[in-house]
Amino acid sequence: MAKIDALFKIMIDSGATDLHLSPSAKPMIRKGGQLIPIEQAPVLTHDMNKALLYEIMSDIQKEKFEQTKDLDMAYTSEPVNSRFRVNVFQDRKGMAAVFRLIPTQIKSIEELGLSPVIKDFANLHKGLVLVTGPAASGKSTTLAAMVDHINKTREDHVLTIEDPIEFVHVSQKCLVNQREVGRNTRSFAAALKGALREDPDVIMVGELRDLETVELAITAAETGHLVFGTLHTGSAAKTVDRIINTFPTKAQAQIRAMLSESLRGVVSQQLLYTIDGKRVVAQEILVGTPAVGNMIREGKTFQIPSIMQASKKEGMITMDNSIMALLQKGIISPEEAYLKAHDKKTFEHLLKEKPADALMA
């Protein structure tokens, strides 16, 4: 048992989602959106954090952190039977870290309350599907649910490339191989190059970080693979623009043409706090219809939100409409809706009314 496992027990028993270790502060947990200090723990120092963290790091991970002062890793705490995504970093006071709890049980698309369109994306056999949003918006959970659905319903080869591996998928009807950047492969791009020779049907790329990785992902989707990937973008239209703008100007016309053919969907999401302090996902969904393909090919991505508004029958929905649906169901407060909305004017008047009156408006 590592010494840090005692903190994880407090975290799990409290129902928290995150643990923060920072010099000159007590360990803190995030519960219901609020950071709360663990009062029975001492104020941490750089040396105390180093001892706690180095105990659970491999020699390779220690060496990488000492070189770069940043490290992404995963850690499984056997005493509390929990897995964590970890970011270790150096701040002005010394060594610090954040641990995010990863559910050991992969929830299904239905259990997560996701749109039926998410299952449609998982049932595809080729093309590119992107799950986007800010950090800690549940992208990994949505991807895990789609991969799990494929694993249970198809007889395919699924290959994941992650940094780090978060959800562990045990082969069921599918053969699942998971590779971790830094441990099992040098980079996302290197693993993607290898993937095209490894007979995959489905490829999940943890993050489309650079031009080479984006280009390889689009190529894989064009050549008959189903490719899932993530980006840190705030909307479906911005996701398309981000991909195109990754490339030099002279190559963008070709990329628009390739993307117009291969893009099957974009899911842009964020987590909102419910009235009872839990979290719920709001999702913007873009489906790669011929009309969307034409907009991408012609460089008219600014028209994508209008297409989404007019294409509800195809399963498309904007972020603000998704948030409004949660508000009308009484799941979130008007204040939370306003805070997370893109067009705040739509929700502004709701703040001036009582929640009960607002829901009837």
Foldseek 3Di string as FASTA:
>chain_A
DAPCVVVVVVCVVVVFFKWKQDAQAAIWTAFLNDTDHPVVGDHDAQVNVCRRVVVQDDPLQVVVCVVPQWAWDKGADVVVRWIWTKIWGADPRHIMMMTGTFDQDQDACVRQVHFVVLQVLLPDQFFEEEEEAAPPFCSVSSVSNSVVVCQAPHAWEEEEEAAADGHDDDRDSYHYHYHYDPPRHPDLLRVLVVVVVVRGREYEYAACDALSNLVSQLVRRVVGHYYYHYDHDAFPLVVLVVNLVRDPPVCSLVVLLSNLVRHAKYKYWGWFAWPVSDIHIQIFIDGSDNVCSVCSNVVNSVCRVVVLVVPVVVVGDTRLVSLLVCLLVRGHFLVRSLVPDPPNVVSVVVVVDDSVVSSVD
